[in-house]
Amino acid sequence: MFNKLASKIIVYTTSLVLLVLIIFSVSSIITVMTLKKYSLDKVESVFKRNSYDNLKKEVVSYARILKGDMEAKKRASFMFGEVAERLINSKGKMDSQDIENLYGEINNVLDLRDISLFDGNGKLLEEYPSFEDVSNLSVFIKKLIKGTNFHKINYFNFHLNKDDSVSFSFVYVARIKHNVPLLIAFDYNPYDFYSLAKTAQFSPYSQKYLWIINKMGYLIYDPPTKEHTLLTLLNKVDLKNPKNGKALANIVKNYILKGKTGVARYTFRGVDKFVGYTYVKEFGWGLGLTLPVDTFYKPINELNKDINSKTTFTLALFGLFSSIVVLMAITASLFIAKRVVEPINNTIDVIESILDGDYAVKVPESGMVEIDKLAEVISRLVNYFEKSKNDKEG
């Protein structure tokens, strides 16, 4: 029979186990969450540092590739400029057929828009094809002549023509009889340049892409993405304008166009992005290789989800383990209560029988040293009472 003592043993034992489990659970959860946060922060820090380095290295690599392509066009323009110069000096002139032949030779390997000849005053003498507009080029030629800082071969940045085409030019300064200058302009279409820039995209309309601005801050090239179609100089998008994003305007004005290389963050047309940027001094370009922040953090978010799922599983497993431990504690406390309380109850019954005058009862062995010792003492007491009773009766 169980009494209050048995209940107390069960309650105390179970409470002690629960208290230990709660303390252990709380400390374990805190440890797990702390380790999780530390691991994620560490992974994010390393990932961000590596990604920043990669963005910076990649944009510098693309700058070298595009610069190399332009240097090749510059060398070709110089070479064909020398050919034209020798032809003029040998014949005394260069007629339309000569220009057409020269155009054909260059256009076999390069996407040439136009060849045009200007005199020392910036006046257009000849051009092929004749239907192409070169008025903006004429303005550049006149500025070049008026200045003193020009070379044998000169670069004219990406420019918008009156027919809404975009092109760039290399101008060769030839010297003919009496050292009179003759300027030969090779005006190129930018399509192969665009194709090279587009290789920065991993696949069409991917999240990572390369944009290029001229020294005035206008977009030369911004490939089609999910957010917008192809943007070129034709669209007249000025990235120095805060309307296109204050952070981006600051990056363009204070970093890119000042010849710096690095990594920054900005928002353009509602998309939050990281950008690796650099500057090509020879051609006055700013390059930006962008990666949306969502894409940037995607691996970390996936890792976070994976850790969360495993943490949840671990905590659920721990909860199941805790429940089993509590059940085992209750079972153990029942066993202990039975093992301890039953011999005590038997001892109490024996003592009550003795008090009623029944000296024949004995306390059964319990297998517990303390209880059996008590039983021995009670037996000796019974023998003493029984002897005293017999002595009185005798």
Protein backbone atom coordinates (compact mmCIF):
# COMPACT_ATOMS: atom_id res chain seq x y z
CA MET A 1 0.00 0.00 0.00
CA PHE A 2 1.29 3.36 -0.96
CA ASN A 3 0.99 6.41 1.25
CA LYS A 4 2.13 10.00 1.25
CA LEU A 5 5.78 8.96 1.43
CA ALA A 6 5.46 7.06 -1.86
CA SER A 7 3.81 10.07 -3.49
CA LYS A 8 6.53 12.34 -2.23
CA ILE A 9 9.26 10.03 -3.54
CA ILE A 10 7.62 9.99 -6.99
CA VAL A 11 7.08 13.75 -7.01
CA TYR A 12 10.57 14.60 -5.75
CA THR A 13 12.32 12.17 -8.07
CA THR A 14 10.36 13.30 -11.15
CA SER A 15 10.78 16.98 -10.26
CA LEU A 16 14.52 16.57 -9.85
CA VAL A 17 14.80 14.83 -13.22
CA LEU A 18 12.63 17.49 -14.89
CA LEU A 19 14.70 20.29 -13.35
CA VAL A 20 17.93 18.71 -14.60
CA LEU A 21 16.39 18.18 -18.05
CA ILE A 22 15.13 21.77 -18.22
CA ILE A 23 18.53 23.18 -17.24
CA PHE A 24 20.27 20.88 -19.69
CA SER A 25 17.73 21.64 -22.45
CA VAL A 26 17.98 25.40 -22.04
CA SER A 27 21.78 25.33 -21.96
CA SER A 28 21.83 22.98 -24.99
CA ILE A 29 19.45 25.17 -27.01
CA ILE A 30 21.45 28.31 -26.16
CA THR A 31 24.67 26.51 -27.14
CA VAL A 32 23.17 25.20 -30.40
CA MET A 33 21.72 28.61 -31.38
CA THR A 34 24.98 30.38 -30.48
CA LEU A 35 27.01 27.93 -32.54
CA LYS A 36 24.53 28.26 -35.40
CA LYS A 37 24.76 32.06 -35.38
CA TYR A 38 28.55 31.96 -35.11
CA SER A 39 28.82 29.43 -37.96
CA LEU A 40 26.49 31.39 -40.24
CA ASP A 41 28.23 34.69 -39.46
CA LYS A 42 31.60 33.09 -40.12
CA VAL A 43 30.43 31.48 -43.37
CA GLU A 44 28.79 34.74 -44.49
CA SER A 45 31.94 36.72 -43.68
CA VAL A 46 34.20 34.32 -45.61
CA PHE A 47 31.70 33.99 -48.46
CA LYS A 48 31.28 37.75 -48.73
CA ARG A 49 35.01 38.36 -48.67
CA ASN A 50 35.63 35.73 -51.35
CA SER A 51 32.70 36.94 -53.45
CA TYR A 52 33.89 40.55 -53.20
CA ASP A 53 37.35 39.49 -54.28
CA ASN A 54 35.91 37.47 -57.16
CA LEU A 55 33.68 40.35 -58.32
CA LYS A 56 36.65 42.70 -58.28
CA LYS A 57 38.93 40.23 -60.07
CA GLU A 58 36.29 39.40 -62.67
CA VAL A 59 35.52 43.01 -63.56
CA VAL A 60 39.25 43.74 -63.90
CA SER A 61 39.56 40.69 -66.17
CA TYR A 62 36.71 41.88 -68.40
CA ALA A 63 38.30 45.32 -68.50
CA ARG A 64 41.50 43.73 -69.80
CA ILE A 65 39.59 41.73 -72.43
CA LEU A 66 37.63 44.74 -73.71
CA LYS A 67 40.71 46.93 -73.59
CA GLY A 68 42.60 44.30 -75.57
CA ASP A 69 39.89 44.28 -78.23
CA MET A 70 40.03 48.07 -78.49
CA GLU A 71 43.82 48.03 -78.63
CA ALA A 72 43.57 45.61 -81.56
CA LYS A 73 41.26 48.04 -83.38
CA LYS A 74 43.62 50.87 -82.54
CA ARG A 75 46.57 48.98 -84.03
CA ALA A 76 44.54 48.08 -87.13
CA SER A 77 43.49 51.70 -87.56
CA PHE A 78 47.09 52.81 -87.21
CA MET A 79 48.27 50.26 -89.75
CA PHE A 80 45.62 51.14 -92.33
CA GLY A 81 46.21 54.85 -91.60
CA GLU A 82 49.85 54.36 -92.56
CA VAL A 83 48.77 52.58 -95.75
CA ALA A 84 46.48 55.48 -96.64
CA GLU A 85 49.22 58.00 -95.83
CA ARG A 86 51.71 56.27 -98.14
CA LEU A 87 49.08 55.98 -100.88
CA ILE A 88 48.27 59.70 -100.70
CA ASN A 89 51.93 60.71 -100.72
CA SER A 90 52.65 58.46 -103.70
CA LYS A 91 49.61 59.43 -105.78
CA GLY A 92 49.17 62.95 -104.45
CA LYS A 93 45.59 62.18 -103.46
CA MET A 94 43.16 59.49 -102.31
CA ASP A 95 40.03 59.16 -104.42
CA SER A 96 36.68 57.53 -103.66
CA GLN A 97 37.75 54.16 -105.08
CA ASP A 98 40.81 54.07 -102.84
CA ILE A 99 38.67 54.78 -99.76
CA GLU A 100 36.16 52.13 -100.80
CA ASN A 101 38.94 49.56 -101.25
CA LEU A 102 40.41 50.45 -97.87
CA TYR A 103 36.96 50.17 -96.31
CA GLY A 104 36.50 46.73 -97.81
CA GLU A 105 39.87 45.50 -96.50
CA ILE A 106 39.14 46.65 -92.95
CA ASN A 107 35.51 45.53 -92.98
CA ASN A 108 36.60 41.98 -93.80
CA VAL A 109 37.91 41.59 -90.25
CA LEU A 110 36.33 44.48 -88.30
CA ASP A 111 32.82 45.92 -88.19
CA LEU A 112 33.62 49.30 -89.72
CA ARG A 113 30.84 51.88 -89.98
CA ASP A 114 32.58 54.55 -92.04
CA ILE A 115 35.92 55.90 -93.28
CA SER A 116 36.17 59.66 -93.67
CA LEU A 117 38.93 62.13 -94.56
CA PHE A 118 39.21 65.63 -93.06
CA ASP A 119 41.60 68.44 -93.91
CA GLY A 120 43.61 70.47 -91.39
CA ASN A 121 40.62 72.76 -90.78
CA GLY A 122 38.25 69.92 -89.96
CA LYS A 123 36.45 70.04 -93.32
CA LEU A 124 35.09 66.73 -94.63
CA LEU A 125 36.85 65.80 -97.89
CA GLU A 126 35.76 62.24 -98.62
CA GLU A 127 33.84 59.45 -96.92
CA TYR A 128 32.63 55.92 -97.55
CA PRO A 129 29.81 54.94 -97.36
CA SER A 130 28.61 58.41 -98.21
CA PHE A 131 25.18 57.98 -96.62
CA GLU A 132 26.56 57.66 -93.06
CA ASP A 133 26.25 60.74 -90.83
CA VAL A 134 29.64 61.96 -89.50
CA SER A 135 28.64 65.37 -88.15
CA ASN A 136 29.47 64.45 -84.53
CA LEU A 137 32.79 63.11 -85.73
CA SER A 138 33.45 66.43 -87.47
CA VAL A 139 32.95 68.24 -84.17
CA PHE A 140 35.49 65.96 -82.51
CA ILE A 141 37.98 66.47 -85.39
CA LYS A 142 37.77 70.26 -85.05
CA LYS A 143 38.33 70.07 -81.29
CA LEU A 144 41.26 67.73 -81.89
CA ILE A 145 42.86 70.15 -84.36
CA LYS A 146 42.42 73.14 -82.04
CA GLY A 147 44.01 71.27 -79.17
CA THR A 148 47.68 70.53 -78.78
CA ASN A 149 47.47 67.18 -77.02
CA PHE A 150 46.84 64.85 -79.94
CA HIS A 151 48.82 61.88 -81.19
CA LYS A 152 49.39 59.99 -84.40
CA ILE A 153 46.34 57.86 -83.55
CA ASN A 154 43.52 59.34 -81.41
CA TYR A 155 40.48 57.75 -79.81
CA PHE A 156 36.99 59.27 -80.01
CA ASN A 157 34.77 57.79 -77.32
CA PHE A 158 31.42 56.07 -77.95
CA HIS A 159 29.15 58.71 -79.44
CA LEU A 160 25.58 59.01 -80.61
CA ASN A 161 25.09 59.95 -84.25
CA LYS A 162 22.19 61.91 -85.73
CA ASP A 163 20.72 58.73 -87.19
CA ASP A 164 20.55 57.32 -83.61
CA SER A 165 23.39 54.88 -84.24
CA VAL A 166 26.17 54.47 -81.71
CA SER A 167 29.80 54.24 -82.78
CA PHE A 168 33.37 54.95 -81.70
CA SER A 169 36.35 56.11 -83.74
CA PHE A 170 40.10 56.07 -84.13
CA VAL A 171 41.52 59.07 -85.99
CA TYR A 172 44.87 58.76 -87.74
CA VAL A 173 46.78 62.02 -88.33
CA ALA A 174 48.61 61.74 -91.65
CA ARG A 175 51.24 64.15 -92.97
CA ILE A 176 51.19 64.88 -96.68
CA LYS A 177 53.14 67.35 -98.86
CA HIS A 178 54.45 70.43 -97.09
CA ASN A 179 53.62 68.72 -93.77
CA VAL A 180 49.91 69.49 -94.20
CA PRO A 181 47.84 67.35 -91.83
CA LEU A 182 45.15 65.03 -93.15
CA LEU A 183 42.93 63.26 -90.63
CA ILE A 184 41.64 59.79 -91.50
CA ALA A 185 38.77 58.68 -89.24
CA PHE A 186 37.89 54.99 -88.85
CA ASP A 187 34.42 54.86 -87.31
CA TYR A 188 33.44 51.44 -85.86
CA ASN A 189 30.11 49.85 -85.00
CA PRO A 190 30.09 48.60 -81.40
CA TYR A 191 28.38 45.23 -81.98
CA ASP A 192 31.38 42.97 -81.41
CA PHE A 193 32.20 45.09 -78.35
CA TYR A 194 28.66 44.48 -77.07
CA SER A 195 29.09 40.76 -77.73
CA LEU A 196 32.29 40.70 -75.71
CA ALA A 197 30.62 42.57 -72.85
CA LYS A 198 27.69 40.16 -72.92
CA THR A 199 29.99 37.20 -72.24
CA ALA A 200 30.01 38.35 -68.60
CA GLN A 201 26.49 36.94 -68.34
CA PHE A 202 26.59 33.25 -67.46
CA SER A 203 23.58 32.69 -69.68
CA PRO A 204 21.08 34.96 -71.48
CA TYR A 205 19.22 37.14 -69.00
CA SER A 206 21.21 35.75 -66.08
CA GLN A 207 21.46 37.60 -62.79
CA LYS A 208 25.13 38.51 -63.19
CA TYR A 209 26.07 40.98 -65.91
CA LEU A 210 28.47 43.73 -66.97
CA TRP A 211 27.60 47.36 -67.66
CA ILE A 212 29.89 50.02 -69.13
CA ILE A 213 29.78 53.81 -68.98
CA ASN A 214 31.76 56.46 -70.85
CA LYS A 215 33.78 59.19 -69.16
CA MET A 216 30.65 61.36 -68.96
CA GLY A 217 28.85 58.72 -66.88
CA TYR A 218 26.39 57.65 -69.60
CA LEU A 219 25.68 53.98 -70.19
CA ILE A 220 27.52 52.70 -73.23
CA TYR A 221 26.16 49.23 -72.66
CA ASP A 222 23.81 47.56 -70.19
CA PRO A 223 22.74 44.09 -71.40
CA PRO A 224 19.13 42.88 -71.32
CA THR A 225 18.12 41.43 -67.96
CA LYS A 226 14.86 40.38 -66.33
CA GLU A 227 14.34 43.99 -65.24
CA HIS A 228 15.00 45.83 -68.51
CA THR A 229 15.91 45.49 -72.17
CA LEU A 230 19.24 46.42 -73.74
CA LEU A 231 20.39 49.91 -72.75
CA THR A 232 23.05 51.74 -74.74
CA LEU A 233 24.18 55.31 -75.27
CA LEU A 234 21.04 55.72 -77.39
CA ASN A 235 18.92 55.61 -74.22
CA LYS A 236 20.95 58.46 -72.66
CA VAL A 237 20.95 56.93 -69.17
CA ASP A 238 23.20 59.08 -66.96
CA LEU A 239 24.35 57.07 -63.95
CA LYS A 240 25.63 60.25 -62.27
CA ASN A 241 22.02 61.38 -61.99
CA PRO A 242 20.65 60.63 -58.48
CA LYS A 243 17.30 59.80 -60.09
CA ASN A 244 18.86 56.48 -61.08
CA GLY A 245 19.86 55.91 -57.46
CA LYS A 246 21.81 58.09 -55.02
CA ALA A 247 24.16 55.28 -54.03
CA LEU A 248 24.89 54.46 -57.68
CA ALA A 249 25.45 58.14 -58.54
CA ASN A 250 27.90 58.41 -55.65
CA ILE A 251 29.78 55.27 -56.77
CA VAL A 252 30.02 56.53 -60.36
CA LYS A 253 31.08 60.11 -59.53
CA ASN A 254 33.35 59.54 -56.56
CA TYR A 255 34.85 56.16 -57.30
CA ILE A 256 34.56 54.81 -60.85
CA LEU A 257 35.15 58.01 -62.80
CA LYS A 258 38.02 58.83 -60.46
CA GLY A 259 39.82 55.70 -61.59
CA LYS A 260 39.20 53.47 -58.58
CA THR A 261 38.61 49.72 -58.37
CA GLY A 262 36.51 48.08 -55.68
CA VAL A 263 33.16 46.62 -54.60
CA ALA A 264 30.03 48.51 -53.50
CA ARG A 265 26.28 48.13 -53.08
CA TYR A 266 23.50 50.10 -54.74
CA THR A 267 19.90 49.91 -55.94
CA PHE A 268 18.98 50.38 -59.60
CA ARG A 269 15.38 50.20 -60.82
CA GLY A 270 14.23 48.59 -57.61
CA VAL A 271 16.87 45.83 -57.55
CA ASP A 272 19.40 45.75 -54.70
CA LYS A 273 22.83 44.79 -56.08
CA PHE A 274 26.49 44.33 -55.32
CA VAL A 275 28.90 45.65 -57.96
CA GLY A 276 32.56 45.13 -58.66
CA TYR A 277 33.82 48.21 -60.51
CA THR A 278 36.95 49.44 -62.27
CA TYR A 279 38.08 52.13 -64.70
CA VAL A 280 39.92 51.94 -68.03
CA LYS A 281 41.86 55.18 -68.22
CA GLU A 282 42.96 54.81 -71.85
CA PHE A 283 39.39 54.84 -73.14
CA GLY A 284 37.58 56.63 -70.32
CA TRP A 285 35.33 53.71 -69.43
CA GLY A 286 33.83 52.67 -66.16
CA LEU A 287 32.92 49.00 -65.83
CA GLY A 288 30.55 47.48 -63.30
CA LEU A 289 29.97 43.75 -62.80
CA THR A 290 26.76 43.37 -60.81
CA LEU A 291 25.18 40.60 -58.80
CA PRO A 292 21.75 41.03 -57.13
CA VAL A 293 21.90 40.80 -53.35
CA ASP A 294 19.23 38.05 -53.33
CA THR A 295 21.37 35.94 -55.64
CA PHE A 296 24.48 36.78 -53.63
CA TYR A 297 22.88 35.57 -50.38
CA LYS A 298 21.08 32.59 -51.93
CA PRO A 299 23.75 30.01 -50.90
CA ILE A 300 23.80 31.41 -47.36
CA ASN A 301 20.00 31.40 -47.14
CA GLU A 302 19.94 27.80 -48.36
CA LEU A 303 22.58 26.91 -45.79
CA ASN A 304 20.52 28.71 -43.12
CA LYS A 305 17.42 26.71 -44.09
CA ASP A 306 19.40 23.48 -44.01
CA ILE A 307 20.82 24.30 -40.57
CA ASN A 308 17.36 25.32 -39.32
CA SER A 309 15.82 22.06 -40.49
CA LYS A 310 18.61 20.03 -38.89
CA THR A 311 18.36 22.12 -35.70
CA THR A 312 14.60 21.54 -35.57
CA PHE A 313 15.15 17.81 -36.11
CA THR A 314 17.80 17.75 -33.38
CA LEU A 315 15.56 19.62 -30.92
CA ALA A 316 12.63 17.32 -31.75
CA LEU A 317 14.86 14.31 -31.18
CA PHE A 318 16.06 15.82 -27.94
CA GLY A 319 12.44 16.45 -26.90
CA LEU A 320 11.61 12.81 -27.60
CA PHE A 321 14.66 11.74 -25.61
CA SER A 322 13.60 14.02 -22.74
CA SER A 323 10.09 12.52 -22.74
CA ILE A 324 11.57 9.02 -22.59
CA VAL A 325 13.84 10.09 -19.72
CA VAL A 326 10.85 11.54 -17.80
CA LEU A 327 8.86 8.33 -18.32
CA MET A 328 11.86 6.33 -17.19
CA ALA A 329 12.18 8.61 -14.13
CA ILE A 330 8.53 8.09 -13.23
CA THR A 331 8.91 4.32 -13.67
CA ALA A 332 12.09 4.33 -11.62
CA SER A 333 10.46 6.43 -8.90
CA LEU A 334 7.53 3.98 -8.78
CA PHE A 335 9.95 1.09 -8.44
CA ILE A 336 11.96 2.93 -5.76
CA ALA A 337 8.81 3.92 -3.92
CA LYS A 338 7.60 0.35 -3.94
CA ARG A 339 11.01 -0.96 -2.87
CA VAL A 340 11.32 1.55 -0.01
CA VAL A 341 7.75 2.15 1.13
CA GLU A 342 6.50 -1.45 1.14
CA PRO A 343 9.11 -2.66 3.71
CA ILE A 344 8.36 0.40 5.81
CA ASN A 345 4.64 -0.34 5.69
CA ASN A 346 5.34 -3.97 6.63
CA THR A 347 7.44 -2.77 9.56
CA ILE A 348 4.63 -0.43 10.65
CA ASP A 349 2.14 -3.32 10.49
CA VAL A 350 4.45 -5.47 12.63
CA ILE A 351 4.84 -2.70 15.21
CA GLU A 352 1.04 -2.23 15.39
CA SER A 353 0.60 -5.98 15.91
CA ILE A 354 3.16 -5.93 18.73
CA LEU A 355 1.31 -3.04 20.32
CA ASP A 356 -1.84 -5.19 20.15
CA GLY A 357 0.00 -7.93 22.05
CA ASP A 358 0.87 -10.21 19.17
CA TYR A 359 4.55 -11.01 19.68
CA ALA A 360 4.61 -13.78 17.12
CA VAL A 361 4.79 -11.50 14.11
CA LYS A 362 8.10 -10.99 12.32
CA VAL A 363 9.28 -8.29 9.93
CA PRO A 364 9.93 -9.99 6.57
CA GLU A 365 13.32 -9.51 4.93
CA SER A 366 13.31 -6.77 2.30
CA GLY A 367 16.79 -7.13 0.85
CA MET A 368 17.60 -3.57 1.92
CA VAL A 369 20.33 -3.32 4.57
CA GLU A 370 18.76 -0.42 6.46
CA ILE A 371 15.27 -1.96 6.56
CA ASP A 372 16.61 -5.39 7.52
CA LYS A 373 18.65 -3.75 10.34
CA LEU A 374 15.44 -2.12 11.56
CA ALA A 375 13.70 -5.49 11.37
CA GLU A 376 16.46 -7.02 13.48
CA VAL A 377 16.09 -4.32 16.12
CA ILE A 378 12.29 -4.82 16.17
CA SER A 379 12.77 -8.59 16.53
CA ARG A 380 15.06 -8.04 19.50
CA LEU A 381 12.50 -5.68 20.98
CA VAL A 382 9.77 -8.28 20.51
CA ASN A 383 11.93 -10.91 22.19
CA TYR A 384 12.52 -8.52 25.08
CA PHE A 385 8.77 -7.83 25.51
CA GLU A 386 7.97 -11.52 25.19
CA LYS A 387 10.61 -12.43 27.83
CA SER A 388 9.34 -9.72 30.17
CA LYS A 389 5.81 -11.03 29.79
CA ASN A 390 6.86 -14.60 30.53
CA ASP A 391 8.83 -13.49 33.59
CA LYS A 392 5.76 -11.74 35.02
CA GLU A 393 3.55 -14.72 34.42
CA GLY A 394 6.11 -17.08 35.96
